[in-house]
PDB file of all heavy atoms in Angstrom:
ATOM      1  N   THR A   1      18.068 -42.319  54.851  1.00  0.00           N
ATOM      2  CA  THR A   1      19.215 -42.339  55.757  1.00  0.00           C
ATOM      3  C   THR A   1      20.535 -42.368  54.991  1.00  0.00           C
ATOM      4  O   THR A   1      21.470 -41.630  55.317  1.00  0.00           O
ATOM      5  CB  THR A   1      19.127 -43.545  56.709  1.00  0.00           C
ATOM      6  OG1 THR A   1      17.907 -43.457  57.435  1.00  0.00           O
ATOM      7  CG2 THR A   1      20.293 -43.584  57.670  1.00  0.00           C
ATOM      8  N   VAL A   2      20.604 -43.210  53.973  1.00  0.00           N
ATOM      9  CA  VAL A   2      21.828 -43.294  53.165  1.00  0.00           C
ATOM     10  C   VAL A   2      22.113 -41.946  52.504  1.00  0.00           C
ATOM     11  O   VAL A   2      23.254 -41.455  52.523  1.00  0.00           O
ATOM     12  CB  VAL A   2      21.710 -44.417  52.108  1.00  0.00           C
ATOM     13  CG1 VAL A   2      22.841 -44.339  51.099  1.00  0.00           C
ATOM     14  CG2 VAL A   2      21.685 -45.775  52.780  1.00  0.00           C
ATOM     15  N   ASN A   3      21.085 -41.323  51.940  1.00  0.00           N
ATOM     16  CA  ASN A   3      21.278 -40.020  51.299  1.00  0.00           C
ATOM     17  C   ASN A   3      21.674 -38.951  52.310  1.00  0.00           C
ATOM     18  O   ASN A   3      22.518 -38.096  52.022  1.00  0.00           O
ATOM     19  CB  ASN A   3      20.007 -39.601  50.557  1.00  0.00           C
ATOM     20  CG  ASN A   3      19.820 -40.373  49.276  1.00  0.00           C
ATOM     21  OD1 ASN A   3      20.770 -40.672  48.570  1.00  0.00           O
ATOM     22  ND2 ASN A   3      18.581 -40.710  48.969  1.00  0.00           N
ATOM     23  N   ALA A   4      21.081 -38.993  53.497  1.00  0.00           N
ATOM     24  CA  ALA A   4      21.425 -38.017  54.530  1.00  0.00           C
ATOM     25  C   ALA A   4      22.866 -38.183  54.996  1.00  0.00           C
ATOM     26  O   ALA A   4      23.587 -37.195  55.182  1.00  0.00           O
ATOM     27  CB  ALA A   4      20.465 -38.141  55.708  1.00  0.00           C
ATOM     28  N   LEU A   5      23.308 -39.427  55.166  1.00  0.00           N
ATOM     29  CA  LEU A   5      24.703 -39.671  55.552  1.00  0.00           C
ATOM     30  C   LEU A   5      25.669 -39.194  54.471  1.00  0.00           C
ATOM     31  O   LEU A   5      26.717 -38.608  54.767  1.00  0.00           O
ATOM     32  CB  LEU A   5      24.924 -41.149  55.856  1.00  0.00           C
ATOM     33  CG  LEU A   5      24.273 -41.669  57.136  1.00  0.00           C
ATOM     34  CD1 LEU A   5      24.411 -43.190  57.240  1.00  0.00           C
ATOM     35  CD2 LEU A   5      24.889 -40.988  58.352  1.00  0.00           C
ATOM     36  N   ALA A   6      25.307 -39.438  53.227  1.00  0.00           N
ATOM     37  CA  ALA A   6      26.146 -38.960  52.120  1.00  0.00           C
ATOM     38  C   ALA A   6      26.187 -37.432  52.108  1.00  0.00           C
ATOM     39  O   ALA A   6      27.238 -36.829  51.857  1.00  0.00           O
ATOM     40  CB  ALA A   6      25.623 -39.497  50.788  1.00  0.00           C
ATOM     41  N   ALA A   7      25.055 -36.799  52.402  1.00  0.00           N
ATOM     42  CA  ALA A   7      25.015 -35.335  52.454  1.00  0.00           C
ATOM     43  C   ALA A   7      25.925 -34.800  53.554  1.00  0.00           C
ATOM     44  O   ALA A   7      26.607 -33.790  53.366  1.00  0.00           O
ATOM     45  CB  ALA A   7      23.578 -34.856  52.659  1.00  0.00           C
ATOM     46  N   VAL A   8      25.958 -35.473  54.683  1.00  0.00           N
ATOM     47  CA  VAL A   8      26.848 -35.064  55.778  1.00  0.00           C
ATOM     48  C   VAL A   8      28.311 -35.167  55.344  1.00  0.00           C
ATOM     49  O   VAL A   8      29.117 -34.262  55.600  1.00  0.00           O
ATOM     50  CB  VAL A   8      26.585 -35.899  57.051  1.00  0.00           C
ATOM     51  CG1 VAL A   8      27.666 -35.686  58.093  1.00  0.00           C
ATOM     52  CG2 VAL A   8      25.214 -35.567  57.621  1.00  0.00           C
ATOM     53  N   ALA A   9      28.659 -36.257  54.666  1.00  0.00           N
ATOM     54  CA  ALA A   9      30.035 -36.437  54.196  1.00  0.00           C
ATOM     55  C   ALA A   9      30.414 -35.353  53.184  1.00  0.00           C
ATOM     56  O   ALA A   9      31.515 -34.785  53.246  1.00  0.00           O
ATOM     57  CB  ALA A   9      30.206 -37.823  53.578  1.00  0.00           C
ATOM     58  N   VAL A  10      29.509 -35.054  52.276  1.00  0.00           N
ATOM     59  CA  VAL A  10      29.778 -34.014  51.272  1.00  0.00           C
ATOM     60  C   VAL A  10      29.870 -32.646  51.943  1.00  0.00           C
ATOM     61  O   VAL A  10      30.739 -31.835  51.594  1.00  0.00           O
ATOM     62  CB  VAL A  10      28.701 -34.038  50.166  1.00  0.00           C
ATOM     63  CG1 VAL A  10      28.808 -32.820  49.266  1.00  0.00           C
ATOM     64  CG2 VAL A  10      28.834 -35.314  49.339  1.00  0.00           C
ATOM     65  N   ALA A  11      29.005 -32.378  52.916  1.00  0.00           N
ATOM     66  CA  ALA A  11      29.052 -31.101  53.633  1.00  0.00           C
ATOM     67  C   ALA A  11      30.386 -30.935  54.362  1.00  0.00           C
ATOM     68  O   ALA A  11      30.973 -29.845  54.365  1.00  0.00           O
ATOM     69  CB  ALA A  11      27.889 -31.004  54.613  1.00  0.00           C
ATOM     70  N   PHE A  12      30.873 -32.017  54.953  1.00  0.00           N
ATOM     71  CA  PHE A  12      32.177 -31.967  55.630  1.00  0.00           C
ATOM     72  C   PHE A  12      33.290 -31.643  54.632  1.00  0.00           C
ATOM     73  O   PHE A  12      34.138 -30.783  54.882  1.00  0.00           O
ATOM     74  CB  PHE A  12      32.464 -33.295  56.336  1.00  0.00           C
ATOM     75  CG  PHE A  12      33.827 -33.352  56.942  1.00  0.00           C
ATOM     76  CD1 PHE A  12      34.106 -32.683  58.115  1.00  0.00           C
ATOM     77  CD2 PHE A  12      34.849 -34.069  56.322  1.00  0.00           C
ATOM     78  CE1 PHE A  12      35.375 -32.714  58.675  1.00  0.00           C
ATOM     79  CE2 PHE A  12      36.118 -34.108  56.867  1.00  0.00           C
ATOM     80  CZ  PHE A  12      36.388 -33.432  58.048  1.00  0.00           C
ATOM     81  N   THR A  13      33.278 -32.326  53.491  1.00  0.00           N
ATOM     82  CA  THR A  13      34.288 -32.079  52.463  1.00  0.00           C
ATOM     83  C   THR A  13      34.213 -30.642  51.962  1.00  0.00           C
ATOM     84  O   THR A  13      35.244 -29.986  51.766  1.00  0.00           O
ATOM     85  CB  THR A  13      34.109 -33.065  51.289  1.00  0.00           C
ATOM     86  OG1 THR A  13      34.149 -34.388  51.806  1.00  0.00           O
ATOM     87  CG2 THR A  13      35.183 -32.899  50.248  1.00  0.00           C
ATOM     88  N   LEU A  14      33.018 -30.153  51.769  1.00  0.00           N
ATOM     89  CA  LEU A  14      32.831 -28.769  51.334  1.00  0.00           C
ATOM     90  C   LEU A  14      33.380 -27.801  52.371  1.00  0.00           C
ATOM     91  O   LEU A  14      34.080 -26.835  52.041  1.00  0.00           O
ATOM     92  CB  LEU A  14      31.347 -28.506  51.080  1.00  0.00           C
ATOM     93  CG  LEU A  14      30.954 -27.107  50.653  1.00  0.00           C
ATOM     94  CD1 LEU A  14      31.626 -26.733  49.339  1.00  0.00           C
ATOM     95  CD2 LEU A  14      29.442 -27.010  50.517  1.00  0.00           C
ATOM     96  N   ALA A  15      33.091 -28.058  53.632  1.00  0.00           N
ATOM     97  CA  ALA A  15      33.583 -27.190  54.708  1.00  0.00           C
ATOM     98  C   ALA A  15      35.106 -27.163  54.744  1.00  0.00           C
ATOM     99  O   ALA A  15      35.715 -26.102  54.924  1.00  0.00           O
ATOM    100  CB  ALA A  15      33.022 -27.657  56.046  1.00  0.00           C
ATOM    101  N   VAL A  16      35.725 -28.318  54.555  1.00  0.00           N
ATOM    102  CA  VAL A  16      37.200 -28.375  54.536  1.00  0.00           C
ATOM    103  C   VAL A  16      37.739 -27.546  53.383  1.00  0.00           C
ATOM    104  O   VAL A  16      38.699 -26.789  53.552  1.00  0.00           O
ATOM    105  CB  VAL A  16      37.686 -29.842  54.447  1.00  0.00           C
ATOM    106  CG1 VAL A  16      39.175 -29.902  54.152  1.00  0.00           C
ATOM    107  CG2 VAL A  16      37.363 -30.582  55.740  1.00  0.00           C
ATOM    108  N   ASN A  17      37.132 -27.656  52.210  1.00  0.00           N
ATOM    109  CA  ASN A  17      37.587 -26.866  51.060  1.00  0.00           C
ATOM    110  C   ASN A  17      37.421 -25.370  51.313  1.00  0.00           C
ATOM    111  O   ASN A  17      38.270 -24.574  50.905  1.00  0.00           O
ATOM    112  CB  ASN A  17      36.829 -27.262  49.794  1.00  0.00           C
ATOM    113  CG  ASN A  17      37.379 -28.512  49.170  1.00  0.00           C
ATOM    114  OD1 ASN A  17      38.555 -28.815  49.296  1.00  0.00           O
ATOM    115  ND2 ASN A  17      36.526 -29.256  48.491  1.00  0.00           N
ATOM    116  N   LEU A  18      36.344 -24.992  51.983  1.00  0.00           N
ATOM    117  CA  LEU A  18      36.098 -23.572  52.224  1.00  0.00           C
ATOM    118  C   LEU A  18      37.062 -22.978  53.237  1.00  0.00           C
ATOM    119  O   LEU A  18      37.305 -21.766  53.226  1.00  0.00           O
ATOM    120  CB  LEU A  18      34.652 -23.361  52.675  1.00  0.00           C
ATOM    121  CG  LEU A  18      33.607 -23.590  51.596  1.00  0.00           C
ATOM    122  CD1 LEU A  18      32.212 -23.492  52.180  1.00  0.00           C
ATOM    123  CD2 LEU A  18      33.779 -22.608  50.442  1.00  0.00           C
ATOM    124  N   THR A  19      37.645 -23.798  54.100  1.00  0.00           N
ATOM    125  CA  THR A  19      38.606 -23.271  55.080  1.00  0.00           C
ATOM    126  C   THR A  19      39.906 -22.824  54.428  1.00  0.00           C
ATOM    127  O   THR A  19      40.710 -22.161  55.070  1.00  0.00           O
ATOM    128  CB  THR A  19      38.936 -24.318  56.171  1.00  0.00           C
ATOM    129  OG1 THR A  19      39.545 -25.462  55.563  1.00  0.00           O
ATOM    130  CG2 THR A  19      37.695 -24.717  56.940  1.00  0.00           C
ATOM    131  N   ARG A  20      40.077 -23.168  53.176  1.00  0.00           N
ATOM    132  CA  ARG A  20      41.314 -22.784  52.477  1.00  0.00           C
ATOM    133  C   ARG A  20      41.271 -21.353  51.979  1.00  0.00           C
ATOM    134  O   ARG A  20      42.195 -20.901  51.320  1.00  0.00           O
ATOM    135  CB  ARG A  20      41.568 -23.757  51.328  1.00  0.00           C
ATOM    136  CG  ARG A  20      41.819 -25.148  51.842  1.00  0.00           C
ATOM    137  CD  ARG A  20      42.023 -26.115  50.751  1.00  0.00           C
ATOM    138  NE  ARG A  20      42.298 -27.441  51.318  1.00  0.00           N
ATOM    139  CZ  ARG A  20      42.273 -28.533  50.638  1.00  0.00           C
ATOM    140  NH1 ARG A  20      42.016 -28.503  49.349  1.00  0.00           N
ATOM    141  NH2 ARG A  20      42.525 -29.684  51.217  1.00  0.00           N
ATOM    142  N   GLY A  21      40.195 -20.639  52.246  1.00  0.00           N
ATOM    143  CA  GLY A  21      40.140 -19.211  51.956  1.00  0.00           C
ATOM    144  C   GLY A  21      39.470 -18.824  50.656  1.00  0.00           C
ATOM    145  O   GLY A  21      38.269 -18.636  50.594  1.00  0.00           O
ATOM    146  N   TRP A  22      40.259 -18.695  49.604  1.00  0.00           N
ATOM    147  CA  TRP A  22      39.767 -18.188  48.332  1.00  0.00           C
ATOM    148  C   TRP A  22      38.605 -18.972  47.720  1.00  0.00           C
ATOM    149  O   TRP A  22      37.785 -18.371  47.011  1.00  0.00           O
ATOM    150  CB  TRP A  22      40.906 -18.097  47.322  1.00  0.00           C
ATOM    151  CG  TRP A  22      41.779 -16.908  47.560  1.00  0.00           C
ATOM    152  CD1 TRP A  22      43.060 -16.925  48.024  1.00  0.00           C
ATOM    153  CD2 TRP A  22      41.449 -15.541  47.377  1.00  0.00           C
ATOM    154  NE1 TRP A  22      43.537 -15.644  48.138  1.00  0.00           N
ATOM    155  CE2 TRP A  22      42.556 -14.767  47.734  1.00  0.00           C
ATOM    156  CE3 TRP A  22      40.303 -14.878  46.941  1.00  0.00           C
ATOM    157  CZ2 TRP A  22      42.563 -13.386  47.672  1.00  0.00           C
ATOM    158  CZ3 TRP A  22      40.305 -13.494  46.869  1.00  0.00           C
ATOM    159  CH2 TRP A  22      41.429 -12.766  47.234  1.00  0.00           C
ATOM    160  N   PRO A  23      38.483 -20.274  47.918  1.00  0.00           N
ATOM    161  CA  PRO A  23      37.331 -20.968  47.335  1.00  0.00           C
ATOM    162  C   PRO A  23      35.972 -20.439  47.802  1.00  0.00           C
ATOM    163  O   PRO A  23      34.945 -20.753  47.213  1.00  0.00           O
ATOM    164  CB  PRO A  23      37.535 -22.426  47.753  1.00  0.00           C
ATOM    165  CG  PRO A  23      39.018 -22.559  47.850  1.00  0.00           C
ATOM    166  CD  PRO A  23      39.462 -21.241  48.428  1.00  0.00           C
ATOM    167  N   VAL A  24      35.969 -19.591  48.826  1.00  0.00           N
ATOM    168  CA  VAL A  24      34.718 -18.965  49.250  1.00  0.00           C
ATOM    169  C   VAL A  24      34.142 -18.134  48.100  1.00  0.00           C
ATOM    170  O   VAL A  24      32.922 -18.012  47.964  1.00  0.00           O
ATOM    171  CB  VAL A  24      34.943 -18.108  50.523  1.00  0.00           C
ATOM    172  CG1 VAL A  24      33.712 -17.299  50.873  1.00  0.00           C
ATOM    173  CG2 VAL A  24      35.350 -18.998  51.678  1.00  0.00           C
ATOM    174  N   LEU A  25      35.010 -17.588  47.252  1.00  0.00           N
ATOM    175  CA  LEU A  25      34.531 -16.849  46.077  1.00  0.00           C
ATOM    176  C   LEU A  25      33.727 -17.755  45.152  1.00  0.00           C
ATOM    177  O   LEU A  25      32.736 -17.323  44.557  1.00  0.00           O
ATOM    178  CB  LEU A  25      35.708 -16.239  45.296  1.00  0.00           C
ATOM    179  CG  LEU A  25      36.404 -15.060  45.936  1.00  0.00           C
ATOM    180  CD1 LEU A  25      37.591 -14.628  45.084  1.00  0.00           C
ATOM    181  CD2 LEU A  25      35.441 -13.910  46.119  1.00  0.00           C
ATOM    182  N   SER A  26      34.145 -18.993  45.025  1.00  0.00           N
ATOM    183  CA  SER A  26      33.405 -19.947  44.211  1.00  0.00           C
ATOM    184  C   SER A  26      32.030 -20.196  44.798  1.00  0.00           C
ATOM    185  O   SER A  26      31.029 -20.286  44.080  1.00  0.00           O
ATOM    186  CB  SER A  26      34.184 -21.260  44.089  1.00  0.00           C
ATOM    187  OG  SER A  26      33.497 -22.164  43.257  1.00  0.00           O
ATOM    188  N   LEU A  27      31.965 -20.292  46.118  1.00  0.00           N
ATOM    189  CA  LEU A  27      30.682 -20.468  46.785  1.00  0.00           C
ATOM    190  C   LEU A  27      29.797 -19.246  46.547  1.00  0.00           C
ATOM    191  O   LEU A  27      28.605 -19.374  46.264  1.00  0.00           O
ATOM    192  CB  LEU A  27      30.882 -20.714  48.277  1.00  0.00           C
ATOM    193  CG  LEU A  27      29.604 -20.894  49.092  1.00  0.00           C
ATOM    194  CD1 LEU A  27      28.855 -22.137  48.638  1.00  0.00           C
ATOM    195  CD2 LEU A  27      29.941 -20.981  50.567  1.00  0.00           C
ATOM    196  N   ALA A  28      30.374 -18.065  46.644  1.00  0.00           N
ATOM    197  CA  ALA A  28      29.610 -16.832  46.416  1.00  0.00           C
ATOM    198  C   ALA A  28      29.071 -16.783  44.987  1.00  0.00           C
ATOM    199  O   ALA A  28      27.913 -16.410  44.764  1.00  0.00           O
ATOM    200  CB  ALA A  28      30.479 -15.617  46.699  1.00  0.00           C
ATOM    201  N   ALA A  29      29.894 -17.170  44.019  1.00  0.00           N
ATOM    202  CA  ALA A  29      29.443 -17.190  42.625  1.00  0.00           C
ATOM    203  C   ALA A  29      28.335 -18.218  42.429  1.00  0.00           C
ATOM    204  O   ALA A  29      27.347 -17.953  41.727  1.00  0.00           O
ATOM    205  CB  ALA A  29      30.616 -17.490  41.698  1.00  0.00           C
ATOM    206  N   THR A  30      28.471 -19.380  43.055  1.00  0.00           N
ATOM    207  CA  THR A  30      27.454 -20.423  42.951  1.00  0.00           C
ATOM    208  C   THR A  30      26.132 -19.934  43.531  1.00  0.00           C
ATOM    209  O   THR A  30      25.071 -20.131  42.937  1.00  0.00           O
ATOM    210  CB  THR A  30      27.921 -21.701  43.674  1.00  0.00           C
ATOM    211  OG1 THR A  30      29.139 -22.155  43.066  1.00  0.00           O
ATOM    212  CG2 THR A  30      26.893 -22.798  43.602  1.00  0.00           C
ATOM    213  N   VAL A  31      26.194 -19.282  44.685  1.00  0.00           N
ATOM    214  CA  VAL A  31      24.985 -18.765  45.322  1.00  0.00           C
ATOM    215  C   VAL A  31      24.362 -17.661  44.466  1.00  0.00           C
ATOM    216  O   VAL A  31      23.133 -17.600  44.312  1.00  0.00           O
ATOM    217  CB  VAL A  31      25.288 -18.269  46.754  1.00  0.00           C
ATOM    218  CG1 VAL A  31      24.125 -17.489  47.343  1.00  0.00           C
ATOM    219  CG2 VAL A  31      25.656 -19.441  47.638  1.00  0.00           C
ATOM    220  N   ALA A  32      25.187 -16.797  43.878  1.00  0.00           N
ATOM    221  CA  ALA A  32      24.667 -15.719  43.030  1.00  0.00           C
ATOM    222  C   ALA A  32      23.950 -16.278  41.806  1.00  0.00           C
ATOM    223  O   ALA A  32      22.865 -15.812  41.436  1.00  0.00           O
ATOM    224  CB  ALA A  32      25.804 -14.792  42.601  1.00  0.00           C
ATOM    225  N   ILE A  33      24.541 -17.283  41.183  1.00  0.00           N
ATOM    226  CA  ILE A  33      23.916 -17.896  40.009  1.00  0.00           C
ATOM    227  C   ILE A  33      22.621 -18.601  40.404  1.00  0.00           C
ATOM    228  O   ILE A  33      21.594 -18.485  39.721  1.00  0.00           O
ATOM    229  CB  ILE A  33      24.902 -18.851  39.314  1.00  0.00           C
ATOM    230  CG1 ILE A  33      26.027 -18.035  38.676  1.00  0.00           C
ATOM    231  CG2 ILE A  33      24.197 -19.713  38.273  1.00  0.00           C
ATOM    232  CD1 ILE A  33      27.208 -18.856  38.218  1.00  0.00           C
ATOM    233  N   ALA A  34      22.655 -19.317  41.525  1.00  0.00           N
ATOM    234  CA  ALA A  34      21.445 -20.000  41.993  1.00  0.00           C
ATOM    235  C   ALA A  34      20.338 -18.989  42.309  1.00  0.00           C
ATOM    236  O   ALA A  34      19.168 -19.220  41.983  1.00  0.00           O
ATOM    237  CB  ALA A  34      21.763 -20.845  43.228  1.00  0.00           C
ATOM    238  N   ALA A  35      20.691 -17.871  42.909  1.00  0.00           N
ATOM    239  CA  ALA A  35      19.701 -16.841  43.230  1.00  0.00           C
ATOM    240  C   ALA A  35      19.097 -16.254  41.964  1.00  0.00           C
ATOM    241  O   ALA A  35      17.881 -16.030  41.892  1.00  0.00           O
ATOM    242  CB  ALA A  35      20.338 -15.744  44.083  1.00  0.00           C
ATOM    243  N   ALA A  36      19.926 -16.023  40.961  1.00  0.00           N
ATOM    244  CA  ALA A  36      19.418 -15.489  39.689  1.00  0.00           C
ATOM    245  C   ALA A  36      18.468 -16.485  39.021  1.00  0.00           C
ATOM    246  O   ALA A  36      17.410 -16.096  38.508  1.00  0.00           O
ATOM    247  CB  ALA A  36      20.585 -15.155  38.765  1.00  0.00           C
TER     248      ALA A  36
END
């Protein structure tokens, strides 16, 4: 439960950062590296 609540908080923070536009490129790069 504690880990899940922390994950929700981090997901919210991540979502706020992604609304700023350009950081979506960072997410795309992270996903590309993870996929590789």
